[in-house]
C-alpha atoms as a PDB file:
ATOM      1  CA  MET A   1      -3.142  -1.736 -24.994  1.00  0.00           C
ATOM      2  CA  LEU A   2      -1.084  -2.411 -22.225  1.00  0.00           C
ATOM      3  CA  ALA A   3       2.749  -3.522 -22.687  1.00  0.00           C
ATOM      4  CA  THR A   4       2.481  -6.930 -20.421  1.00  0.00           C
ATOM      5  CA  LEU A   5       6.195  -7.738 -19.180  1.00  0.00           C
ATOM      6  CA  VAL A   6       6.041 -11.205 -17.854  1.00  0.00           C
ATOM      7  CA  VAL A   7       8.048 -12.074 -15.014  1.00  0.00           C
ATOM      8  CA  VAL A   8       9.372 -15.718 -15.032  1.00  0.00           C
ATOM      9  CA  ALA A   9      10.572 -18.087 -12.344  1.00  0.00           C
ATOM     10  CA  PRO A  10      14.371 -17.577 -11.986  1.00  0.00           C
ATOM     11  CA  ILE A  11      16.749 -19.603 -14.517  1.00  0.00           C
ATOM     12  CA  ASP A  12      19.498 -21.465 -12.555  1.00  0.00           C
ATOM     13  CA  LEU A  13      22.919 -20.720 -13.927  1.00  0.00           C
ATOM     14  CA  THR A  14      24.726 -24.030 -13.459  1.00  0.00           C
ATOM     15  CA  ASP A  15      28.622 -24.301 -13.187  1.00  0.00           C
ATOM     16  CA  GLU A  16      28.538 -25.873 -16.321  1.00  0.00           C
ATOM     17  CA  LYS A  17      26.942 -23.019 -18.158  1.00  0.00           C
ATOM     18  CA  GLN A  18      28.899 -20.234 -16.222  1.00  0.00           C
ATOM     19  CA  GLU A  19      32.050 -21.979 -17.661  1.00  0.00           C
ATOM     20  CA  ALA A  20      30.439 -21.936 -21.366  1.00  0.00           C
ATOM     21  CA  LEU A  21      29.331 -18.310 -21.433  1.00  0.00           C
ATOM     22  CA  ARG A  22      32.573 -17.461 -19.650  1.00  0.00           C
ATOM     23  CA  GLY A  23      34.740 -18.663 -22.773  1.00  0.00           C
ATOM     24  CA  LEU A  24      32.500 -16.731 -25.281  1.00  0.00           C
ATOM     25  CA  LEU A  25      32.531 -13.617 -23.636  1.00  0.00           C
ATOM     26  CA  ASP A  26      35.708 -12.589 -26.066  1.00  0.00           C
ATOM     27  CA  ASP A  27      34.442 -14.014 -28.601  1.00  0.00           C
ATOM     28  CA  PRO A  28      34.696 -11.762 -31.641  1.00  0.00           C
ATOM     29  CA  SER A  29      31.717 -12.818 -33.643  1.00  0.00           C
ATOM     30  CA  PRO A  30      28.951 -10.232 -33.622  1.00  0.00           C
ATOM     31  CA  LEU A  31      26.387 -13.097 -33.996  1.00  0.00           C
ATOM     32  CA  VAL A  32      27.777 -14.940 -30.653  1.00  0.00           C
ATOM     33  CA  GLN A  33      28.005 -11.654 -28.710  1.00  0.00           C
ATOM     34  CA  LYS A  34      24.184 -11.363 -29.920  1.00  0.00           C
ATOM     35  CA  ALA A  35      23.645 -14.300 -28.622  1.00  0.00           C
ATOM     36  CA  ILE A  36      25.324 -14.293 -25.381  1.00  0.00           C
ATOM     37  CA  VAL A  37      23.148 -11.094 -24.575  1.00  0.00           C
ATOM     38  CA  GLN A  38      19.826 -12.410 -25.181  1.00  0.00           C
ATOM     39  CA  GLU A  39      20.584 -15.892 -23.283  1.00  0.00           C
ATOM     40  CA  LEU A  40      21.837 -13.844 -20.367  1.00  0.00           C
ATOM     41  CA  SER A  41      18.705 -11.349 -20.526  1.00  0.00           C
ATOM     42  CA  ARG A  42      16.357 -14.522 -20.644  1.00  0.00           C
ATOM     43  CA  ILE A  43      18.293 -15.843 -17.413  1.00  0.00           C
ATOM     44  CA  GLY A  44      18.042 -12.559 -15.257  1.00  0.00           C
ATOM     45  CA  PRO A  45      19.429 -11.441 -12.462  1.00  0.00           C
ATOM     46  CA  ALA A  46      21.256 -14.801 -11.827  1.00  0.00           C
ATOM     47  CA  ALA A  47      23.054 -13.347 -15.170  1.00  0.00           C
ATOM     48  CA  THR A  48      23.572 -10.375 -13.919  1.00  0.00           C
ATOM     49  CA  ALA A  49      25.413 -11.364 -10.609  1.00  0.00           C
ATOM     50  CA  PHE A  50      27.626 -13.959 -12.758  1.00  0.00           C
ATOM     51  CA  LEU A  51      28.674 -10.848 -15.057  1.00  0.00           C
ATOM     52  CA  GLU A  52      29.105  -8.739 -12.237  1.00  0.00           C
ATOM     53  CA  GLU A  53      31.474 -11.050 -10.673  1.00  0.00           C
ATOM     54  CA  ILE A  54      33.542 -11.606 -13.693  1.00  0.00           C
ATOM     55  CA  VAL A  55      33.878  -7.545 -13.867  1.00  0.00           C
ATOM     56  CA  ASN A  56      35.418  -7.433 -10.107  1.00  0.00           C
ATOM     57  CA  GLY A  57      37.281 -10.162 -10.451  1.00  0.00           C
ATOM     58  CA  THR A  58      41.132 -10.452 -11.023  1.00  0.00           C
ATOM     59  CA  ASN A  59      41.421 -11.517 -14.929  1.00  0.00           C
ATOM     60  CA  ARG A  60      41.104  -7.922 -16.210  1.00  0.00           C
ATOM     61  CA  MET A  61      40.967  -8.954 -19.632  1.00  0.00           C
ATOM     62  CA  LEU A  62      37.736 -10.649 -19.145  1.00  0.00           C
ATOM     63  CA  ALA A  63      36.120  -8.147 -16.892  1.00  0.00           C
ATOM     64  CA  ILE A  64      36.306  -5.658 -19.670  1.00  0.00           C
ATOM     65  CA  HIS A  65      34.100  -8.234 -21.952  1.00  0.00           C
ATOM     66  CA  ALA A  66      31.857  -8.866 -19.154  1.00  0.00           C
ATOM     67  CA  LYS A  67      31.277  -5.246 -18.455  1.00  0.00           C
ATOM     68  CA  ARG A  68      30.516  -4.696 -22.152  1.00  0.00           C
ATOM     69  CA  VAL A  69      28.184  -7.758 -22.019  1.00  0.00           C
ATOM     70  CA  LEU A  70      26.612  -6.376 -18.828  1.00  0.00           C
ATOM     71  CA  ARG A  71      25.863  -2.812 -20.347  1.00  0.00           C
ATOM     72  CA  ALA A  72      24.082  -4.609 -23.445  1.00  0.00           C
ATOM     73  CA  VAL A  73      22.036  -7.286 -21.201  1.00  0.00           C
ATOM     74  CA  GLU A  74      20.782  -3.906 -18.979  1.00  0.00           C
ATOM     75  CA  ASN A  75      20.051  -1.901 -22.181  1.00  0.00           C
ATOM     76  CA  ALA A  76      18.191  -5.156 -23.414  1.00  0.00           C
ATOM     77  CA  ASN A  77      16.395  -5.722 -20.030  1.00  0.00           C
ATOM     78  CA  PRO A  78      14.724  -2.321 -18.898  1.00  0.00           C
ATOM     79  CA  SER A  79      13.623  -3.652 -15.483  1.00  0.00           C
ATOM     80  CA  GLU A  80      17.429  -4.623 -14.711  1.00  0.00           C
ATOM     81  CA  GLU A  81      18.602  -1.158 -16.169  1.00  0.00           C
ATOM     82  CA  PHE A  82      15.782   0.809 -13.732  1.00  0.00           C
ATOM     83  CA  ARG A  83      17.582  -1.655 -11.065  1.00  0.00           C
ATOM     84  CA  LYS A  84      20.941  -0.531 -11.794  1.00  0.00           C
ATOM     85  CA  PHE A  85      19.644   3.375 -11.896  1.00  0.00           C
ATOM     86  CA  ILE A  86      18.297   2.667  -8.114  1.00  0.00           C
ATOM     87  CA  ARG A  87      21.110   1.093  -6.690  1.00  0.00           C
ATOM     88  CA  SER A  88      23.411   3.642  -8.232  1.00  0.00           C
ATOM     89  CA  GLN A  89      21.517   6.452  -5.925  1.00  0.00           C
ATOM     90  CA  ASN A  90      22.283   8.918  -8.418  1.00  0.00           C
ATOM     91  CA  TYR A  91      18.914   9.827  -8.827  1.00  0.00           C
ATOM     92  CA  GLU A  92      17.788  12.463 -11.637  1.00  0.00           C
ATOM     93  CA  LEU A  93      13.807  13.137 -11.836  1.00  0.00           C
ATOM     94  CA  GLU A  94      13.666  12.931 -15.492  1.00  0.00           C
ATOM     95  CA  THR A  95      15.941   9.996 -16.165  1.00  0.00           C
ATOM     96  CA  GLY A  96      14.213   7.859 -13.547  1.00  0.00           C
ATOM     97  CA  ALA A  97      10.911   8.956 -15.043  1.00  0.00           C
ATOM     98  CA  ILE A  98      11.658   7.979 -18.672  1.00  0.00           C
ATOM     99  CA  MET A  99      13.277   4.838 -17.612  1.00  0.00           C
ATOM    100  CA  LEU A 100       9.996   3.969 -15.391  1.00  0.00           C
ATOM    101  CA  CYS A 101       8.120   3.876 -18.532  1.00  0.00           C
ATOM    102  CA  ARG A 102      10.475   1.990 -20.315  1.00  0.00           C
ATOM    103  CA  VAL A 103       9.680  -1.071 -17.922  1.00  0.00           C
ATOM    104  CA  ALA A 104       6.290  -1.366 -19.518  1.00  0.00           C
ATOM    105  CA  TYR A 105       7.114   0.120 -22.608  1.00  0.00           C
ATOM    106  CA  PRO A 106      10.526  -0.788 -23.839  1.00  0.00           C
ATOM    107  CA  GLU A 107       9.973   1.134 -27.401  1.00  0.00           C
ATOM    108  CA  ALA A 108       9.501   4.149 -25.630  1.00  0.00           C
ATOM    109  CA  ARG A 109      12.488   6.748 -26.469  1.00  0.00           C
ATOM    110  CA  ALA A 110      13.681   8.932 -24.462  1.00  0.00           C
ATOM    111  CA  GLY A 111      14.457  11.377 -26.925  1.00  0.00           C
ATOM    112  CA  ASP A 112      10.581  11.424 -28.330  1.00  0.00           C
ATOM    113  CA  ILE A 113       9.442  12.525 -24.664  1.00  0.00           C
ATOM    114  CA  CYS A 114      12.294  15.384 -24.095  1.00  0.00           C
ATOM    115  CA  THR A 115      11.246  16.459 -27.269  1.00  0.00           C
ATOM    116  CA  ALA A 116       7.725  16.422 -26.128  1.00  0.00           C
ATOM    117  CA  LEU A 117       8.762  18.483 -22.879  1.00  0.00           C
ATOM    118  CA  ASP A 118      10.809  21.000 -24.785  1.00  0.00           C
ATOM    119  CA  ALA A 119       8.229  22.066 -27.006  1.00  0.00           C
ATOM    120  CA  ILE A 120       5.722  22.406 -24.216  1.00  0.00           C
ATOM    121  CA  ALA A 121       8.462  24.838 -22.303  1.00  0.00           C
ATOM    122  CA  GLU A 122       8.947  26.442 -25.543  1.00  0.00           C
ATOM    123  CA  ARG A 123       5.366  27.396 -26.189  1.00  0.00           C
ATOM    124  CA  CYS A 124       5.604  28.709 -22.397  1.00  0.00           C
ATOM    125  CA  ARG A 125       8.419  30.971 -23.010  1.00  0.00           C
ATOM    126  CA  GLU A 126       6.482  32.413 -25.890  1.00  0.00           C
ATOM    127  CA  LEU A 127       4.044  33.798 -23.246  1.00  0.00           C
ATOM    128  CA  ILE A 128       6.177  35.073 -20.485  1.00  0.00           C
ATOM    129  CA  ALA A 129       7.171  38.668 -20.591  1.00  0.00           C
ATOM    130  CA  LYS A 130      10.088  39.295 -18.090  1.00  0.00           C
ATOM    131  CA  PRO A 131      10.214  40.366 -15.097  1.00  0.00           C
ATOM    132  CA  ILE A 132       8.276  37.663 -14.489  1.00  0.00           C
ATOM    133  CA  SER A 133       7.418  36.644 -10.711  1.00  0.00           C
ATOM    134  CA  PRO A 134       7.378  32.530  -9.838  1.00  0.00           C
ATOM    135  CA  ARG A 135       3.639  32.689  -9.222  1.00  0.00           C
ATOM    136  CA  GLU A 136       3.015  34.873 -12.566  1.00  0.00           C
ATOM    137  CA  ARG A 137       5.219  31.714 -14.184  1.00  0.00           C
ATOM    138  CA  CYS A 138       3.611  29.272 -12.753  1.00  0.00           C
ATOM    139  CA  VAL A 139      -0.230  30.834 -14.526  1.00  0.00           C
ATOM    140  CA  ILE A 140       1.821  30.619 -17.741  1.00  0.00           C
ATOM    141  CA  ILE A 141       2.717  27.105 -17.111  1.00  0.00           C
ATOM    142  CA  ASN A 142      -1.275  26.110 -16.200  1.00  0.00           C
ATOM    143  CA  ARG A 143      -2.297  27.954 -19.005  1.00  0.00           C
ATOM    144  CA  VAL A 144      -0.152  25.826 -21.383  1.00  0.00           C
ATOM    145  CA  LEU A 145      -0.166  22.351 -19.673  1.00  0.00           C
ATOM    146  CA  PHE A 146      -4.175  22.381 -18.584  1.00  0.00           C
ATOM    147  CA  HIS A 147      -5.887  25.382 -21.028  1.00  0.00           C
ATOM    148  CA  GLU A 148      -4.276  24.995 -24.365  1.00  0.00           C
ATOM    149  CA  LEU A 149      -3.155  21.644 -24.132  1.00  0.00           C
ATOM    150  CA  GLY A 150      -5.722  19.933 -22.049  1.00  0.00           C
ATOM    151  CA  PHE A 151      -4.178  17.587 -19.717  1.00  0.00           C
ATOM    152  CA  ARG A 152      -6.077  16.780 -16.705  1.00  0.00           C
ATOM    153  CA  GLY A 153      -6.759  14.243 -13.807  1.00  0.00           C
ATOM    154  CA  ASN A 154      -8.040  11.006 -14.758  1.00  0.00           C
ATOM    155  CA  VAL A 155     -10.959  10.608 -12.501  1.00  0.00           C
ATOM    156  CA  GLU A 156     -12.828   8.303 -14.779  1.00  0.00           C
ATOM    157  CA  ASP A 157     -10.436   5.887 -14.798  1.00  0.00           C
ATOM    158  CA  TYR A 158      -7.908   6.501 -11.657  1.00  0.00           C
ATOM    159  CA  GLU A 159      -6.494   3.412 -11.546  1.00  0.00           C
ATOM    160  CA  GLN A 160      -5.463   2.633 -15.047  1.00  0.00           C
ATOM    161  CA  PRO A 161      -1.718   1.999 -15.101  1.00  0.00           C
ATOM    162  CA  ASP A 162      -0.659   4.023 -17.786  1.00  0.00           C
ATOM    163  CA  ASN A 163      -2.090   7.487 -15.729  1.00  0.00           C
ATOM    164  CA  SER A 164       1.541   6.742 -14.064  1.00  0.00           C
ATOM    165  CA  PHE A 165       3.632   6.528 -17.140  1.00  0.00           C
ATOM    166  CA  LEU A 166       5.324   9.721 -18.548  1.00  0.00           C
ATOM    167  CA  ASN A 167       4.701   8.656 -22.319  1.00  0.00           C
ATOM    168  CA  ARG A 168       1.776   7.552 -22.006  1.00  0.00           C
ATOM    169  CA  LEU A 169       0.562  10.429 -20.093  1.00  0.00           C
ATOM    170  CA  LEU A 170       2.085  13.166 -22.994  1.00  0.00           C
ATOM    171  CA  GLU A 171       0.102  10.697 -25.552  1.00  0.00           C
ATOM    172  CA  THR A 172      -3.743  10.667 -23.304  1.00  0.00           C
ATOM    173  CA  LYS A 173      -3.073  13.966 -21.631  1.00  0.00           C
ATOM    174  CA  LYS A 174      -4.615  12.067 -18.520  1.00  0.00           C
ATOM    175  CA  GLY A 175      -2.669  11.153 -15.625  1.00  0.00           C
ATOM    176  CA  ILE A 176      -2.916  11.321 -11.767  1.00  0.00           C
ATOM    177  CA  PRO A 177      -1.287  13.933  -9.244  1.00  0.00           C
ATOM    178  CA  ILE A 178       2.085  12.398  -8.900  1.00  0.00           C
ATOM    179  CA  SER A 179       2.756  12.385 -12.999  1.00  0.00           C
ATOM    180  CA  LEU A 180       0.810  15.480 -13.501  1.00  0.00           C
ATOM    181  CA  SER A 181       3.371  16.775 -10.739  1.00  0.00           C
ATOM    182  CA  ILE A 182       6.553  15.246 -12.676  1.00  0.00           C
ATOM    183  CA  LEU A 183       4.968  16.710 -15.831  1.00  0.00           C
ATOM    184  CA  TYR A 184       4.844  19.946 -13.629  1.00  0.00           C
ATOM    185  CA  LEU A 185       8.118  19.928 -12.485  1.00  0.00           C
ATOM    186  CA  LEU A 186      10.238  18.652 -16.158  1.00  0.00           C
ATOM    187  CA  VAL A 187       8.494  21.494 -17.979  1.00  0.00           C
ATOM    188  CA  ALA A 188       8.985  24.109 -15.143  1.00  0.00           C
ATOM    189  CA  GLN A 189      12.788  23.171 -15.001  1.00  0.00           C
ATOM    190  CA  ARG A 190      13.157  23.991 -18.554  1.00  0.00           C
ATOM    191  CA  LEU A 191      12.211  27.388 -17.873  1.00  0.00           C
ATOM    192  CA  GLY A 192      14.662  27.905 -14.926  1.00  0.00           C
ATOM    193  CA  ALA A 193      11.784  27.489 -12.464  1.00  0.00           C
ATOM    194  CA  GLU A 194      12.676  26.471  -8.858  1.00  0.00           C
ATOM    195  CA  LEU A 195       9.877  24.111  -7.811  1.00  0.00           C
ATOM    196  CA  ASP A 196       9.721  20.758  -5.866  1.00  0.00           C
ATOM    197  CA  PRO A 197       8.227  17.927  -5.455  1.00  0.00           C
ATOM    198  CA  ILE A 198       5.749  17.644  -2.390  1.00  0.00           C
ATOM    199  CA  ALA A 199       4.462  14.019  -1.154  1.00  0.00           C
ATOM    200  CA  TYR A 200       1.631  15.257   0.499  1.00  0.00           C
ATOM    201  CA  PRO A 201      -0.196  12.325   1.893  1.00  0.00           C
ATOM    202  CA  GLY A 202      -2.841  10.702  -0.312  1.00  0.00           C
ATOM    203  CA  HIS A 203      -2.435  13.596  -3.172  1.00  0.00           C
ATOM    204  CA  PHE A 204       0.670  14.627  -4.958  1.00  0.00           C
ATOM    205  CA  LEU A 205       1.645  18.513  -5.208  1.00  0.00           C
ATOM    206  CA  VAL A 206       4.078  20.771  -6.403  1.00  0.00           C
ATOM    207  CA  GLY A 207       5.780  23.938  -4.152  1.00  0.00           C
ATOM    208  CA  SER A 208       7.074  26.696  -4.839  1.00  0.00           C
ATOM    209  CA  PHE A 209       9.553  28.206  -2.045  1.00  0.00           C
ATOM    210  CA  GLU A 210      11.372  31.164  -4.315  1.00  0.00           C
ATOM    211  CA  GLU A 211       8.966  33.815  -2.179  1.00  0.00           C
ATOM    212  CA  ASP A 212       9.066  35.051   1.568  1.00  0.00           C
ATOM    213  CA  LEU A 213       5.487  33.013   1.451  1.00  0.00           C
ATOM    214  CA  PRO A 214       5.496  29.652  -0.175  1.00  0.00           C
ATOM    215  CA  PHE A 215       2.600  28.514  -2.042  1.00  0.00           C
ATOM    216  CA  TYR A 216       1.442  24.949  -3.657  1.00  0.00           C
ATOM    217  CA  ILE A 217       0.179  23.844  -6.875  1.00  0.00           C
ATOM    218  CA  ASP A 218      -1.921  20.742  -7.313  1.00  0.00           C
ATOM    219  CA  PRO A 219      -1.965  19.778 -11.048  1.00  0.00           C
ATOM    220  CA  PHE A 220      -4.563  17.001 -10.662  1.00  0.00           C
ATOM    221  CA  LYS A 221      -6.922  20.048 -10.615  1.00  0.00           C
ATOM    222  CA  ARG A 222      -5.798  21.940 -13.203  1.00  0.00           C
ATOM    223  CA  GLY A 223      -2.902  23.718 -11.416  1.00  0.00           C
ATOM    224  CA  ARG A 224      -5.245  25.288  -8.525  1.00  0.00           C
ATOM    225  CA  PHE A 225      -2.996  27.358  -6.129  1.00  0.00           C
ATOM    226  CA  ILE A 226      -3.155  26.519  -2.433  1.00  0.00           C
ATOM    227  CA  ALA A 227      -1.797  28.813   0.581  1.00  0.00           C
ATOM    228  CA  PRO A 228       0.054  27.132   3.302  1.00  0.00           C
ATOM    229  CA  GLY A 229      -2.792  27.972   5.674  1.00  0.00           C
ATOM    230  CA  GLN A 230      -5.334  25.865   3.719  1.00  0.00           C
ATOM    231  CA  LEU A 231      -3.256  22.534   3.148  1.00  0.00           C
ATOM    232  CA  LEU A 232      -4.707  21.246   6.520  1.00  0.00           C
ATOM    233  CA  ASP A 233      -8.704  21.731   5.177  1.00  0.00           C
ATOM    234  CA  TYR A 234      -7.170  20.774   1.900  1.00  0.00           C
ATOM    235  CA  SER A 235      -5.877  17.305   2.915  1.00  0.00           C
ATOM    236  CA  SER A 236      -9.740  15.875   4.027  1.00  0.00           C
ATOM    237  CA  GLY A 237      -8.143  14.324   6.725  1.00  0.00           C
ATOM    238  CA  TYR A 238      -4.860  12.871   5.582  1.00  0.00           C
ATOM    239  CA  LEU A 239      -2.572  15.671   7.154  1.00  0.00           C
ATOM    240  CA  SER A 240      -2.256  16.263  11.056  1.00  0.00           C
ATOM    241  CA  ILE A 241      -0.467  19.130  12.560  1.00  0.00           C
ATOM    242  CA  SER A 242       2.448  16.365  13.418  1.00  0.00           C
ATOM    243  CA  GLN A 243       2.705  15.522   9.594  1.00  0.00           C
ATOM    244  CA  LEU A 244       3.933  19.244   8.576  1.00  0.00           C
ATOM    245  CA  GLY A 245       7.051  17.603   7.142  1.00  0.00           C
ATOM    246  CA  ASN A 246       5.349  16.411   4.387  1.00  0.00           C
ATOM    247  CA  LEU A 247       4.886  20.045   2.980  1.00  0.00           C
ATOM    248  CA  ALA A 248       8.958  20.109   2.478  1.00  0.00           C
ATOM    249  CA  PRO A 249      10.270  18.960  -0.726  1.00  0.00           C
ATOM    250  CA  ALA A 250      10.483  15.726  -1.130  1.00  0.00           C
ATOM    251  CA  PRO A 251      13.857  13.909  -2.419  1.00  0.00           C
ATOM    252  CA  VAL A 252      13.600  11.866  -6.077  1.00  0.00           C
ATOM    253  CA  ARG A 253      13.901   8.773  -4.248  1.00  0.00           C
ATOM    254  CA  GLU A 254      10.818   9.224  -2.715  1.00  0.00           C
ATOM    255  CA  VAL A 255       8.901  10.569  -5.920  1.00  0.00           C
ATOM    256  CA  LEU A 256      10.160   7.840  -7.582  1.00  0.00           C
ATOM    257  CA  SER A 257       9.387   5.111  -5.075  1.00  0.00           C
ATOM    258  CA  ARG A 258       6.066   6.375  -4.660  1.00  0.00           C
ATOM    259  CA  CYS A 259       5.393   6.008  -8.595  1.00  0.00           C
ATOM    260  CA  CYS A 260       6.386   2.451  -8.512  1.00  0.00           C
ATOM    261  CA  ARG A 261       3.894   1.855  -4.998  1.00  0.00           C
ATOM    262  CA  ASN A 262       0.962   3.592  -6.940  1.00  0.00           C
ATOM    263  CA  LEU A 263       1.890   1.242 -10.114  1.00  0.00           C
ATOM    264  CA  ALA A 264       1.627  -1.951  -7.699  1.00  0.00           C
ATOM    265  CA  ASN A 265      -1.478  -1.061  -6.480  1.00  0.00           C
ATOM    266  CA  HIS A 266      -2.690  -0.226 -10.052  1.00  0.00           C
ATOM    267  CA  TYR A 267      -1.838  -3.076 -12.085  1.00  0.00           C
ATOM    268  CA  SER A 268      -3.011  -5.164  -8.884  1.00  0.00           C
ATOM    269  CA  ALA A 269      -6.391  -3.583  -9.061  1.00  0.00           C
ATOM    270  CA  VAL A 270      -6.763  -4.369 -13.249  1.00  0.00           C
ATOM    271  CA  GLY A 271      -5.453  -8.087 -12.440  1.00  0.00           C
ATOM    272  CA  GLU A 272      -1.830  -7.850 -13.845  1.00  0.00           C
ATOM    273  CA  GLU A 273      -0.080  -9.292 -10.607  1.00  0.00           C
ATOM    274  CA  SER A 274       3.144 -10.151 -12.440  1.00  0.00           C
ATOM    275  CA  MET A 275       3.004  -6.115 -13.149  1.00  0.00           C
ATOM    276  CA  SER A 276       2.362  -5.502  -9.812  1.00  0.00           C
ATOM    277  CA  ARG A 277       5.139  -7.764  -8.057  1.00  0.00           C
ATOM    278  CA  LEU A 278       7.789  -6.360 -10.607  1.00  0.00           C
ATOM    279  CA  PHE A 279       7.084  -2.932  -9.399  1.00  0.00           C
ATOM    280  CA  SER A 280       6.869  -4.135  -5.644  1.00  0.00           C
ATOM    281  CA  SER A 281      10.334  -5.439  -6.174  1.00  0.00           C
ATOM    282  CA  PHE A 282      11.550  -1.475  -7.265  1.00  0.00           C
ATOM    283  CA  ILE A 283      10.089  -0.358  -3.773  1.00  0.00           C
ATOM    284  CA  LYS A 284      12.433  -2.911  -2.118  1.00  0.00           C
ATOM    285  CA  GLU A 285      15.356  -2.165  -4.062  1.00  0.00           C
ATOM    286  CA  PHE A 286      14.629   1.742  -3.123  1.00  0.00           C
ATOM    287  CA  GLN A 287      14.505   0.850   0.178  1.00  0.00           C
ATOM    288  CA  ASP A 288      17.518  -1.534   0.346  1.00  0.00           C
ATOM    289  CA  ALA A 289      19.522   1.093  -1.651  1.00  0.00           C
ATOM    290  CA  HIS A 290      18.614   3.962   1.025  1.00  0.00           C
ATOM    291  CA  ILE A 291      19.651   1.885   3.952  1.00  0.00           C
ATOM    292  CA  LYS A 292      22.896   1.516   2.167  1.00  0.00           C
ATOM    293  CA  GLN A 293      23.298   5.056   1.928  1.00  0.00           C
ATOM    294  CA  PRO A 294      26.077   7.021   3.800  1.00  0.00           C
ATOM    295  CA  SER A 295      25.244   8.524   6.525  1.00  0.00           C
ATOM    296  CA  GLY A 296      24.559  12.732   5.902  1.00  0.00           C
ATOM    297  CA  GLU A 297      24.256  12.138   2.277  1.00  0.00           C
ATOM    298  CA  THR A 298      20.881  13.093   1.075  1.00  0.00           C
ATOM    299  CA  LYS A 299      19.612  12.613  -2.725  1.00  0.00           C
END
């Protein structure tokens, strides 16, 4: 069953309530601190702005307490935690994918996900005999992921939101092109393989550029290898000559933003409009953060 995150209307943080909360930030009682975190988590974005204003204010002692409470509020609210990650522009694929899981599944544990990925990579290592070429390494990853463990594309229920979450993919073994590609990349990363996400129009892929001739992998089709010359035909009309830039590695920002776009569409398709709006708001956060990114900087 899907965990449903209800998006409620913003709660007004009045001047009187701000003053009351300000006076409690340095209260030593654990019960008071717990109540403050719960109340500010309930209030939502207005509470985050309130705490950030104090953190950046002139009262340094109160700023220390506000920073501690802000961290606790963000940890108690996975959606705000993910927004903070987006605004930081310090993007890392595994961290972002796990934080994305926690938006819908707050109980998802990063340690459990990482342990599962480690186990898959360890099984691959057992089959690797060095020296090994980049293509041969991918053959082994394909064998473990798609033949031994049975990961596959969920063609029967493609718009099921669970297909996009790494924790659910590891449990059900079914996903969509981008989630299966993320899984592939995270396993490959543990093996020291230099693979890249490819934001191919309409169908996410993985690319290898270690050899003179690059090749592409389709995890949705059980790791099918694709030569560069096959991609125009492979696109089924999605890609034109003018769009060949889509065959280059995509930044992590683009990968995670595309995950959010898929989730917004898929939650809408299953009637979960509040969740659809939530993930749409993350897309805007990525866009806004990218606009603010210093000139010449890439992430």
